[in-house]
PDB file of N, CA and C in Angstrom:
ATOM      1  N   MET A   1      16.643 156.224 139.626  1.00  0.00           N
ATOM      2  CA  MET A   1      16.239 156.393 138.511  1.00  0.00           C
ATOM      3  C   MET A   1      17.389 156.251 137.812  1.00  0.00           C
ATOM      4  N   ILE A   2      16.793 156.171 136.994  1.00  0.00           N
ATOM      5  CA  ILE A   2      17.242 155.695 135.279  1.00  0.00           C
ATOM      6  C   ILE A   2      18.666 157.472 135.179  1.00  0.00           C
ATOM      7  N   ASP A   3      19.616 157.746 134.597  1.00  0.00           N
ATOM      8  CA  ASP A   3      19.718 158.627 133.776  1.00  0.00           C
ATOM      9  C   ASP A   3      18.967 158.781 132.874  1.00  0.00           C
ATOM     10  N   ASN A   4      18.617 159.570 132.746  1.00  0.00           N
ATOM     11  CA  ASN A   4      17.831 160.137 131.289  1.00  0.00           C
ATOM     12  C   ASN A   4      18.676 159.802 128.968  1.00  0.00           C
ATOM     13  N   ASN A   5      19.342 160.351 130.616  1.00  0.00           N
ATOM     14  CA  ASN A   5      20.650 160.180 128.868  1.00  0.00           C
ATOM     15  C   ASN A   5      21.549 158.797 128.145  1.00  0.00           C
ATOM     16  N   ILE A   6      20.990 157.482 129.895  1.00  0.00           N
ATOM     17  CA  ILE A   6      21.166 156.375 129.621  1.00  0.00           C
ATOM     18  C   ILE A   6      20.137 155.416 129.180  1.00  0.00           C
ATOM     19  N   ALA A   7      19.428 156.362 129.478  1.00  0.00           N
ATOM     20  CA  ALA A   7      17.593 155.488 129.493  1.00  0.00           C
ATOM     21  C   ALA A   7      17.728 156.408 127.756  1.00  0.00           C
ATOM     22  N   ALA A   8      17.425 157.362 127.338  1.00  0.00           N
ATOM     23  CA  ALA A   8      17.806 157.806 125.659  1.00  0.00           C
ATOM     24  C   ALA A   8      18.676 157.206 124.932  1.00  0.00           C
ATOM     25  N   ASP A   9      19.871 156.547 125.297  1.00  0.00           N
ATOM     26  CA  ASP A   9      21.254 156.288 124.444  1.00  0.00           C
ATOM     27  C   ASP A   9      20.528 155.313 124.329  1.00  0.00           C
ATOM     28  N   PHE A  10      19.690 153.671 125.110  1.00  0.00           N
ATOM     29  CA  PHE A  10      19.423 152.673 125.529  1.00  0.00           C
ATOM     30  C   PHE A  10      18.846 152.237 123.751  1.00  0.00           C
ATOM     31  N   PHE A  11      17.841 153.437 124.371  1.00  0.00           N
ATOM     32  CA  PHE A  11      16.077 152.902 122.968  1.00  0.00           C
ATOM     33  C   PHE A  11      17.039 153.524 122.584  1.00  0.00           C
ATOM     34  N   SER A  12      17.542 154.427 121.804  1.00  0.00           N
ATOM     35  CA  SER A  12      18.382 154.625 120.637  1.00  0.00           C
ATOM     36  C   SER A  12      18.461 153.220 119.591  1.00  0.00           C
ATOM     37  N   ARG A  13      19.206 153.150 120.342  1.00  0.00           N
ATOM     38  CA  ARG A  13      20.050 151.492 120.289  1.00  0.00           C
ATOM     39  C   ARG A  13      19.010 150.749 120.327  1.00  0.00           C
ATOM     40  N   TYR A  14      18.089 150.071 120.606  1.00  0.00           N
ATOM     41  CA  TYR A  14      17.182 149.345 120.631  1.00  0.00           C
ATOM     42  C   TYR A  14      16.287 149.476 119.678  1.00  0.00           C
ATOM     43  N   ILE A  15      16.450 150.753 119.326  1.00  0.00           N
ATOM     44  CA  ILE A  15      15.083 151.427 118.127  1.00  0.00           C
ATOM     45  C   ILE A  15      16.336 151.043 116.426  1.00  0.00           C
ATOM     46  N   LEU A  16      17.255 151.042 116.715  1.00  0.00           N
ATOM     47  CA  LEU A  16      18.361 150.269 115.645  1.00  0.00           C
ATOM     48  C   LEU A  16      18.479 148.663 115.434  1.00  0.00           C
ATOM     49  N   GLU A  17      18.820 148.812 116.163  1.00  0.00           N
ATOM     50  CA  GLU A  17      18.434 146.970 116.801  1.00  0.00           C
ATOM     51  C   GLU A  17      17.003 146.143 115.909  1.00  0.00           C
ATOM     52  N   ALA A  18      16.442 147.457 116.890  1.00  0.00           N
ATOM     53  CA  ALA A  18      14.959 146.744 115.598  1.00  0.00           C
ATOM     54  C   ALA A  18      14.562 146.957 114.286  1.00  0.00           C
ATOM     55  N   LYS A  19      15.467 147.878 114.296  1.00  0.00           N
ATOM     56  CA  LYS A  19      14.053 147.718 112.279  1.00  0.00           C
ATOM     57  C   LYS A  19      15.614 146.879 111.343  1.00  0.00           C
ATOM     58  N   ARG A  20      16.678 147.424 111.846  1.00  0.00           N
ATOM     59  CA  ARG A  20      17.847 146.193 111.679  1.00  0.00           C
ATOM     60  C   ARG A  20      17.663 144.537 111.354  1.00  0.00           C
ATOM     61  N   TRP A  21      16.833 144.533 112.336  1.00  0.00           N
ATOM     62  CA  TRP A  21      16.238 143.140 112.405  1.00  0.00           C
ATOM     63  C   TRP A  21      14.967 143.223 111.409  1.00  0.00           C
ATOM     64  N   ILE A  22      13.693 143.951 111.937  1.00  0.00           N
ATOM     65  CA  ILE A  22      12.570 144.183 110.912  1.00  0.00           C
ATOM     66  C   ILE A  22      13.021 143.515 109.399  1.00  0.00           C
ATOM     67  N   ILE A  23      13.877 144.260 109.475  1.00  0.00           N
ATOM     68  CA  ILE A  23      14.079 144.383 107.306  1.00  0.00           C
ATOM     69  C   ILE A  23      14.952 143.604 107.528  1.00  0.00           C
ATOM     70  N   CYS A  24      15.590 142.356 107.799  1.00  0.00           N
ATOM     71  CA  CYS A  24      16.542 141.028 108.635  1.00  0.00           C
ATOM     72  C   CYS A  24      14.735 140.446 107.759  1.00  0.00           C
ATOM     73  N   GLU A  25      14.191 140.709 108.736  1.00  0.00           N
ATOM     74  CA  GLU A  25      12.355 139.653 108.770  1.00  0.00           C
ATOM     75  C   GLU A  25      12.220 138.810 107.468  1.00  0.00           C
ATOM     76  N   ARG A  26      12.044 140.698 107.085  1.00  0.00           N
ATOM     77  CA  ARG A  26      11.353 141.139 105.514  1.00  0.00           C
ATOM     78  C   ARG A  26      11.417 140.805 104.608  1.00  0.00           C
ATOM     79  N   LYS A  27      13.332 140.820 104.714  1.00  0.00           N
ATOM     80  CA  LYS A  27      13.786 139.479 103.455  1.00  0.00           C
ATOM     81  C   LYS A  27      13.274 138.783 103.632  1.00  0.00           C
ATOM     82  N   ILE A  28      13.749 137.548 104.797  1.00  0.00           N
ATOM     83  CA  ILE A  28      13.182 136.566 104.039  1.00  0.00           C
ATOM     84  C   ILE A  28      12.193 135.822 104.396  1.00  0.00           C
ATOM     85  N   PHE A  29      11.585 136.371 105.206  1.00  0.00           N
ATOM     86  CA  PHE A  29      10.285 136.527 104.936  1.00  0.00           C
ATOM     87  C   PHE A  29       9.562 136.381 103.360  1.00  0.00           C
ATOM     88  N   PHE A  30       9.906 137.520 103.132  1.00  0.00           N
ATOM     89  CA  PHE A  30       9.857 137.555 101.236  1.00  0.00           C
ATOM     90  C   PHE A  30      10.883 136.384 100.860  1.00  0.00           C
ATOM     91  N   SER A  31      11.403 135.798 100.559  1.00  0.00           N
ATOM     92  CA  SER A  31      12.228 135.082 100.101  1.00  0.00           C
ATOM     93  C   SER A  31      12.332 132.991 100.438  1.00  0.00           C
ATOM     94  N   THR A  32      11.163 133.359 101.760  1.00  0.00           N
ATOM     95  CA  THR A  32      10.247 132.326 101.576  1.00  0.00           C
ATOM     96  C   THR A  32       8.969 132.589 101.135  1.00  0.00           C
ATOM     97  N   ILE A  33       8.222 133.117 101.148  1.00  0.00           N
ATOM     98  CA  ILE A  33       7.299 133.581  99.924  1.00  0.00           C
ATOM     99  C   ILE A  33       7.554 133.243  98.267  1.00  0.00           C
ATOM    100  N   LYS A  34       9.251 133.185  97.863  1.00  0.00           N
ATOM    101  CA  LYS A  34       9.560 133.178  96.344  1.00  0.00           C
ATOM    102  C   LYS A  34       9.829 131.716  96.320  1.00  0.00           C
ATOM    103  N   ILE A  35      10.409 131.233  97.485  1.00  0.00           N
ATOM    104  CA  ILE A  35      10.115 129.379  97.458  1.00  0.00           C
ATOM    105  C   ILE A  35       9.350 128.574  97.797  1.00  0.00           C
ATOM    106  N   ASN A  36       8.033 129.606  98.543  1.00  0.00           N
ATOM    107  CA  ASN A  36       6.742 128.463  98.336  1.00  0.00           C
ATOM    108  C   ASN A  36       6.108 129.000  97.070  1.00  0.00           C
ATOM    109  N   ASN A  37       6.142 129.611  96.580  1.00  0.00           N
ATOM    110  CA  ASN A  37       5.374 129.998  95.216  1.00  0.00           C
ATOM    111  C   ASN A  37       6.175 128.946  93.971  1.00  0.00           C
ATOM    112  N   LYS A  38       8.083 129.087  94.219  1.00  0.00           N
ATOM    113  CA  LYS A  38       8.346 127.568  93.604  1.00  0.00           C
ATOM    114  C   LYS A  38       8.131 125.924  92.916  1.00  0.00           C
ATOM    115  N   ILE A  39       7.779 125.883  94.800  1.00  0.00           N
ATOM    116  CA  ILE A  39       7.776 124.687  95.253  1.00  0.00           C
ATOM    117  C   ILE A  39       5.779 124.637  94.866  1.00  0.00           C
ATOM    118  N   LEU A  40       5.047 125.413  94.846  1.00  0.00           N
ATOM    119  CA  LEU A  40       3.392 125.232  94.225  1.00  0.00           C
ATOM    120  C   LEU A  40       3.606 125.186  92.546  1.00  0.00           C
ATOM    121  N   SER A  41       4.173 126.032  92.033  1.00  0.00           N
ATOM    122  CA  SER A  41       4.889 125.924  90.873  1.00  0.00           C
ATOM    123  C   SER A  41       5.736 124.306  89.855  1.00  0.00           C
ATOM    124  N   LEU A  42       5.823 124.069  90.832  1.00  0.00           N
ATOM    125  CA  LEU A  42       6.837 122.540  90.217  1.00  0.00           C
ATOM    126  C   LEU A  42       5.223 121.235  90.494  1.00  0.00           C
ATOM    127  N   LEU A  43       4.097 121.998  91.594  1.00  0.00           N
ATOM    128  CA  LEU A  43       3.126 120.214  91.766  1.00  0.00           C
ATOM    129  C   LEU A  43       2.564 120.885  90.844  1.00  0.00           C
ATOM    130  N   PRO A  44       2.235 118.486  90.708  1.00  0.00           N
ATOM    131  CA  PRO A  44       0.698 119.143  89.488  1.00  0.00           C
ATOM    132  C   PRO A  44      -0.579 119.530  89.891  1.00  0.00           C
ATOM    133  N   SER A  45      -1.006 120.207  89.903  1.00  0.00           N
ATOM    134  CA  SER A  45      -2.459 121.006  89.447  1.00  0.00           C
ATOM    135  C   SER A  45      -3.012 120.082  89.483  1.00  0.00           C
ATOM    136  N   GLY A  46      -3.898 120.513  90.510  1.00  0.00           N
ATOM    137  CA  GLY A  46      -5.359 119.913  91.530  1.00  0.00           C
ATOM    138  C   GLY A  46      -6.267 120.104  90.900  1.00  0.00           C
TER     139      GLY A  46
END
């Protein structure tokens, strides 16, 4: 049986890490979109 305090502590840490990861992923995602838009704008429009 897992102690409730340990489980809660682990869960809160997990949530914090997940939030940090999501924020990081979002930044990467949006910067990738910007780069893709630049590449598309450089290509001659067919």
